[in-house]
Amino acid sequence: MSEQKRITSFQPIVDANAKVLILGTMPSIKSLLYQEYYGNRQNAFWKILFCLFEQEFSEVYSDRVALIQEHGIALWDVLQSCERKSSLDSDIQEEKANDIQGLLQQYPNINTVVFSSQKAALYFKKHIGSIAGIELLTLASPSGANACMSLSEKIADWQQLKTKL
């Protein structure tokens, strides 16, 4: 069994054109290793977004970042830090939330927060609650651990994102 370690999330990817903020829970071990949001190749996040925007899939992280920024999407995590022995959200302990309200004040064009999992939504509700004027939307987890849904089912659920842009 692995020892619990305190881990810290990434800085947000955001610019003044962002209309939607996608929030995950906390980067996986592989994401932290690669220093990339959704860096675990078993996670379908980037495949879903490239499909949604009808773009050819790219493994190049800078292309991925460009894709979300071109479409008014910001990316961050609900949690700033936590203790966790694996990549599973169920292993998260001693969590501390990011200053999401501060980010939303700094970027007032963001009017929707999309959660990339039920757990991200739960941690948001636990630490932040709700924010006046901000719509909250929870979509299917793109994680490989969410094996009960096929990629095409996840893509279908994520179509809702396009209506917020």
C-alpha atoms as a PDB file:
ATOM      1  CA  MET A   1       0.000   0.000   0.000  1.00  0.00           C
ATOM      2  CA  SER A   2       1.287   3.449  -0.919  1.00  0.00           C
ATOM      3  CA  GLU A   3       1.897   6.117   1.671  1.00  0.00           C
ATOM      4  CA  GLN A   4      -0.302   9.206   1.630  1.00  0.00           C
ATOM      5  CA  LYS A   5       1.445  12.261   0.222  1.00  0.00           C
ATOM      6  CA  ARG A   6       0.390  15.894   0.147  1.00  0.00           C
ATOM      7  CA  ILE A   7      -0.062  16.911  -3.460  1.00  0.00           C
ATOM      8  CA  THR A   8      -0.781  20.276  -5.039  1.00  0.00           C
ATOM      9  CA  SER A   9      -2.841  21.033  -8.134  1.00  0.00           C
ATOM     10  CA  PHE A  10      -1.798  23.112 -11.131  1.00  0.00           C
ATOM     11  CA  GLN A  11      -2.349  26.786 -11.827  1.00  0.00           C
ATOM     12  CA  PRO A  12      -5.501  27.456 -13.846  1.00  0.00           C
ATOM     13  CA  ILE A  13      -5.474  27.685 -17.625  1.00  0.00           C
ATOM     14  CA  VAL A  14      -7.597  30.788 -18.163  1.00  0.00           C
ATOM     15  CA  ASP A  15      -7.729  33.954 -20.219  1.00  0.00           C
ATOM     16  CA  ALA A  16     -10.074  36.919 -20.628  1.00  0.00           C
ATOM     17  CA  ASN A  17     -12.086  35.120 -23.348  1.00  0.00           C
ATOM     18  CA  ALA A  18     -13.155  32.258 -21.065  1.00  0.00           C
ATOM     19  CA  LYS A  19     -16.913  31.776 -20.678  1.00  0.00           C
ATOM     20  CA  VAL A  20     -16.869  28.317 -19.096  1.00  0.00           C
ATOM     21  CA  LEU A  21     -14.655  26.998 -16.303  1.00  0.00           C
ATOM     22  CA  ILE A  22     -14.213  23.220 -16.270  1.00  0.00           C
ATOM     23  CA  LEU A  23     -13.284  21.945 -12.821  1.00  0.00           C
ATOM     24  CA  GLY A  24     -11.810  18.562 -12.060  1.00  0.00           C
ATOM     25  CA  THR A  25     -11.114  17.299  -8.573  1.00  0.00           C
ATOM     26  CA  MET A  26      -7.321  16.937  -8.404  1.00  0.00           C
ATOM     27  CA  PRO A  27      -4.705  15.913 -10.997  1.00  0.00           C
ATOM     28  CA  SER A  28      -3.967  12.189 -11.179  1.00  0.00           C
ATOM     29  CA  ILE A  29      -0.527  10.799 -10.396  1.00  0.00           C
ATOM     30  CA  LYS A  30       0.235  10.601 -14.136  1.00  0.00           C
ATOM     31  CA  SER A  31      -1.024  14.138 -14.726  1.00  0.00           C
ATOM     32  CA  LEU A  32       1.283  15.371 -11.967  1.00  0.00           C
ATOM     33  CA  LEU A  33       4.161  13.391 -13.482  1.00  0.00           C
ATOM     34  CA  TYR A  34       3.556  14.859 -16.964  1.00  0.00           C
ATOM     35  CA  GLN A  35       2.581  18.289 -15.562  1.00  0.00           C
ATOM     36  CA  GLU A  36      -0.508  18.262 -17.791  1.00  0.00           C
ATOM     37  CA  TYR A  37      -4.196  18.487 -17.023  1.00  0.00           C
ATOM     38  CA  TYR A  38      -5.789  15.100 -17.783  1.00  0.00           C
ATOM     39  CA  GLY A  39      -2.368  13.641 -18.588  1.00  0.00           C
ATOM     40  CA  ASN A  40      -3.370  10.023 -17.982  1.00  0.00           C
ATOM     41  CA  ARG A  41      -3.909   8.507 -21.435  1.00  0.00           C
ATOM     42  CA  GLN A  42      -6.741   6.361 -20.007  1.00  0.00           C
ATOM     43  CA  ASN A  43      -8.694   9.557 -19.359  1.00  0.00           C
ATOM     44  CA  ALA A  44     -10.860  10.528 -22.348  1.00  0.00           C
ATOM     45  CA  PHE A  45     -11.101  14.254 -21.507  1.00  0.00           C
ATOM     46  CA  TRP A  46      -9.038  15.502 -24.442  1.00  0.00           C
ATOM     47  CA  LYS A  47     -10.527  12.985 -26.891  1.00  0.00           C
ATOM     48  CA  ILE A  48     -14.001  14.164 -25.903  1.00  0.00           C
ATOM     49  CA  LEU A  49     -13.159  17.834 -26.435  1.00  0.00           C
ATOM     50  CA  PHE A  50     -11.466  17.277 -29.797  1.00  0.00           C
ATOM     51  CA  CYS A  51     -14.552  15.295 -30.884  1.00  0.00           C
ATOM     52  CA  LEU A  52     -16.952  17.978 -29.644  1.00  0.00           C
ATOM     53  CA  PHE A  53     -15.185  20.667 -31.629  1.00  0.00           C
ATOM     54  CA  GLU A  54     -14.658  18.414 -34.662  1.00  0.00           C
ATOM     55  CA  GLN A  55     -10.885  18.773 -34.575  1.00  0.00           C
ATOM     56  CA  GLU A  56      -8.252  16.170 -35.325  1.00  0.00           C
ATOM     57  CA  PHE A  57      -7.029  14.715 -32.024  1.00  0.00           C
ATOM     58  CA  SER A  58      -3.569  15.830 -30.893  1.00  0.00           C
ATOM     59  CA  GLU A  59      -1.269  14.353 -28.249  1.00  0.00           C
ATOM     60  CA  VAL A  60       0.619  17.675 -28.087  1.00  0.00           C
ATOM     61  CA  TYR A  61      -0.306  19.463 -24.865  1.00  0.00           C
ATOM     62  CA  SER A  62       0.083  22.963 -26.321  1.00  0.00           C
ATOM     63  CA  ASP A  63      -2.446  22.008 -29.048  1.00  0.00           C
ATOM     64  CA  ARG A  64      -4.832  20.855 -26.345  1.00  0.00           C
ATOM     65  CA  VAL A  65      -4.493  24.093 -24.410  1.00  0.00           C
ATOM     66  CA  ALA A  66      -4.988  26.081 -27.635  1.00  0.00           C
ATOM     67  CA  LEU A  67      -8.182  24.115 -28.365  1.00  0.00           C
ATOM     68  CA  ILE A  68      -9.840  25.009 -25.071  1.00  0.00           C
ATOM     69  CA  GLN A  69      -8.726  28.627 -25.219  1.00  0.00           C
ATOM     70  CA  GLU A  70     -10.029  28.994 -28.793  1.00  0.00           C
ATOM     71  CA  HIS A  71     -13.429  27.876 -27.538  1.00  0.00           C
ATOM     72  CA  GLY A  72     -13.653  30.031 -24.408  1.00  0.00           C
ATOM     73  CA  ILE A  73     -12.882  27.281 -21.911  1.00  0.00           C
ATOM     74  CA  ALA A  74     -10.818  27.649 -18.744  1.00  0.00           C
ATOM     75  CA  LEU A  75      -9.508  24.669 -16.791  1.00  0.00           C
ATOM     76  CA  TRP A  76      -8.730  24.184 -13.110  1.00  0.00           C
ATOM     77  CA  ASP A  77      -9.373  21.865 -10.168  1.00  0.00           C
ATOM     78  CA  VAL A  78     -11.681  22.304  -7.201  1.00  0.00           C
ATOM     79  CA  LEU A  79      -8.919  21.287  -4.822  1.00  0.00           C
ATOM     80  CA  GLN A  80      -5.676  23.195  -4.342  1.00  0.00           C
ATOM     81  CA  SER A  81      -4.055  20.429  -2.316  1.00  0.00           C
ATOM     82  CA  CYS A  82      -4.835  17.193  -0.520  1.00  0.00           C
ATOM     83  CA  GLU A  83      -3.368  13.989   0.819  1.00  0.00           C
ATOM     84  CA  ARG A  84      -3.906  11.009  -1.453  1.00  0.00           C
ATOM     85  CA  LYS A  85      -2.257   7.592  -1.812  1.00  0.00           C
ATOM     86  CA  SER A  86      -3.509   6.900  -5.348  1.00  0.00           C
ATOM     87  CA  SER A  87      -5.230   8.721  -8.207  1.00  0.00           C
ATOM     88  CA  LEU A  88      -8.684   7.764  -6.936  1.00  0.00           C
ATOM     89  CA  ASP A  89     -10.869  10.611  -5.706  1.00  0.00           C
ATOM     90  CA  SER A  90     -12.095   8.264  -2.980  1.00  0.00           C
ATOM     91  CA  ASP A  91      -8.567   8.347  -1.483  1.00  0.00           C
ATOM     92  CA  ILE A  92      -8.568  12.144  -1.047  1.00  0.00           C
ATOM     93  CA  GLN A  93      -8.133  13.358   2.529  1.00  0.00           C
ATOM     94  CA  GLU A  94      -7.294  16.647   4.237  1.00  0.00           C
ATOM     95  CA  GLU A  95      -8.321  18.618   1.171  1.00  0.00           C
ATOM     96  CA  LYS A  96      -7.996  22.369   0.716  1.00  0.00           C
ATOM     97  CA  ALA A  97     -10.015  24.152  -1.980  1.00  0.00           C
ATOM     98  CA  ASN A  98      -8.732  26.541  -4.630  1.00  0.00           C
ATOM     99  CA  ASP A  99      -9.965  30.148  -4.559  1.00  0.00           C
ATOM    100  CA  ILE A 100     -12.530  29.614  -7.294  1.00  0.00           C
ATOM    101  CA  GLN A 101     -14.602  32.624  -6.242  1.00  0.00           C
ATOM    102  CA  GLY A 102     -11.506  34.807  -6.603  1.00  0.00           C
ATOM    103  CA  LEU A 103     -10.836  33.420 -10.084  1.00  0.00           C
ATOM    104  CA  LEU A 104     -14.432  34.072 -11.144  1.00  0.00           C
ATOM    105  CA  GLN A 105     -14.195  37.659  -9.875  1.00  0.00           C
ATOM    106  CA  GLN A 106     -10.974  38.129 -11.851  1.00  0.00           C
ATOM    107  CA  TYR A 107     -12.586  36.674 -15.021  1.00  0.00           C
ATOM    108  CA  PRO A 108     -16.165  38.014 -15.033  1.00  0.00           C
ATOM    109  CA  ASN A 109     -16.977  36.612 -18.500  1.00  0.00           C
ATOM    110  CA  ILE A 110     -17.116  33.120 -16.981  1.00  0.00           C
ATOM    111  CA  ASN A 111     -20.795  32.392 -16.375  1.00  0.00           C
ATOM    112  CA  THR A 112     -20.807  28.587 -16.153  1.00  0.00           C
ATOM    113  CA  VAL A 113     -18.819  26.109 -14.077  1.00  0.00           C
ATOM    114  CA  VAL A 114     -18.737  22.577 -15.468  1.00  0.00           C
ATOM    115  CA  PHE A 115     -17.636  19.707 -13.239  1.00  0.00           C
ATOM    116  CA  SER A 116     -15.820  16.834 -14.927  1.00  0.00           C
ATOM    117  CA  SER A 117     -17.073  14.389 -12.297  1.00  0.00           C
ATOM    118  CA  GLN A 118     -19.613  13.949  -9.522  1.00  0.00           C
ATOM    119  CA  LYS A 119     -16.779  14.108  -6.968  1.00  0.00           C
ATOM    120  CA  ALA A 120     -15.609  17.484  -8.273  1.00  0.00           C
ATOM    121  CA  ALA A 121     -19.174  18.779  -7.863  1.00  0.00           C
ATOM    122  CA  LEU A 122     -19.375  17.356  -4.328  1.00  0.00           C
ATOM    123  CA  TYR A 123     -16.100  18.978  -3.240  1.00  0.00           C
ATOM    124  CA  PHE A 124     -17.245  22.274  -4.768  1.00  0.00           C
ATOM    125  CA  LYS A 125     -20.522  22.120  -2.845  1.00  0.00           C
ATOM    126  CA  LYS A 126     -18.662  21.183   0.343  1.00  0.00           C
ATOM    127  CA  HIS A 127     -16.076  23.976   0.183  1.00  0.00           C
ATOM    128  CA  ILE A 128     -17.750  26.695  -1.885  1.00  0.00           C
ATOM    129  CA  GLY A 129     -21.468  25.990  -2.160  1.00  0.00           C
ATOM    130  CA  SER A 130     -22.953  28.116  -4.902  1.00  0.00           C
ATOM    131  CA  ILE A 131     -21.969  31.404  -6.506  1.00  0.00           C
ATOM    132  CA  ALA A 132     -24.559  33.996  -7.496  1.00  0.00           C
ATOM    133  CA  GLY A 133     -24.899  34.368 -11.254  1.00  0.00           C
ATOM    134  CA  ILE A 134     -22.904  31.226 -12.049  1.00  0.00           C
ATOM    135  CA  GLU A 135     -24.592  28.199 -13.601  1.00  0.00           C
ATOM    136  CA  LEU A 136     -23.320  24.817 -12.368  1.00  0.00           C
ATOM    137  CA  LEU A 137     -23.330  21.732 -14.605  1.00  0.00           C
ATOM    138  CA  THR A 138     -22.008  18.242 -13.834  1.00  0.00           C
ATOM    139  CA  LEU A 139     -20.992  16.045 -16.764  1.00  0.00           C
ATOM    140  CA  ALA A 140     -19.947  12.406 -17.050  1.00  0.00           C
ATOM    141  CA  SER A 141     -16.477  11.676 -15.747  1.00  0.00           C
ATOM    142  CA  PRO A 142     -14.014  11.186 -18.613  1.00  0.00           C
ATOM    143  CA  SER A 143     -11.868   9.008 -16.335  1.00  0.00           C
ATOM    144  CA  GLY A 144     -10.983   5.488 -17.371  1.00  0.00           C
ATOM    145  CA  ALA A 145     -12.348   4.472 -13.963  1.00  0.00           C
ATOM    146  CA  ASN A 146     -15.810   5.426 -15.274  1.00  0.00           C
ATOM    147  CA  ALA A 147     -16.010   2.189 -17.264  1.00  0.00           C
ATOM    148  CA  CYS A 148     -19.806   1.976 -17.089  1.00  0.00           C
ATOM    149  CA  MET A 149     -20.009   4.538 -19.910  1.00  0.00           C
ATOM    150  CA  SER A 150     -18.581   4.144 -23.391  1.00  0.00           C
ATOM    151  CA  LEU A 151     -16.598   6.929 -25.044  1.00  0.00           C
ATOM    152  CA  SER A 152     -19.550   7.695 -27.335  1.00  0.00           C
ATOM    153  CA  GLU A 153     -21.878   7.988 -24.306  1.00  0.00           C
ATOM    154  CA  LYS A 154     -19.422  10.359 -22.623  1.00  0.00           C
ATOM    155  CA  ILE A 155     -19.171  12.459 -25.800  1.00  0.00           C
ATOM    156  CA  ALA A 156     -22.974  12.613 -26.001  1.00  0.00           C
ATOM    157  CA  ASP A 157     -23.188  13.849 -22.397  1.00  0.00           C
ATOM    158  CA  TRP A 158     -20.454  16.429 -22.957  1.00  0.00           C
ATOM    159  CA  GLN A 159     -22.408  17.918 -25.900  1.00  0.00           C
ATOM    160  CA  GLN A 160     -24.096  20.034 -23.206  1.00  0.00           C
ATOM    161  CA  LEU A 161     -20.834  21.970 -22.874  1.00  0.00           C
ATOM    162  CA  LYS A 162     -21.238  23.461 -26.352  1.00  0.00           C
ATOM    163  CA  THR A 163     -24.533  25.093 -25.383  1.00  0.00           C
ATOM    164  CA  LYS A 164     -22.712  27.114 -22.694  1.00  0.00           C
ATOM    165  CA  LEU A 165     -20.117  28.653 -25.020  1.00  0.00           C
END
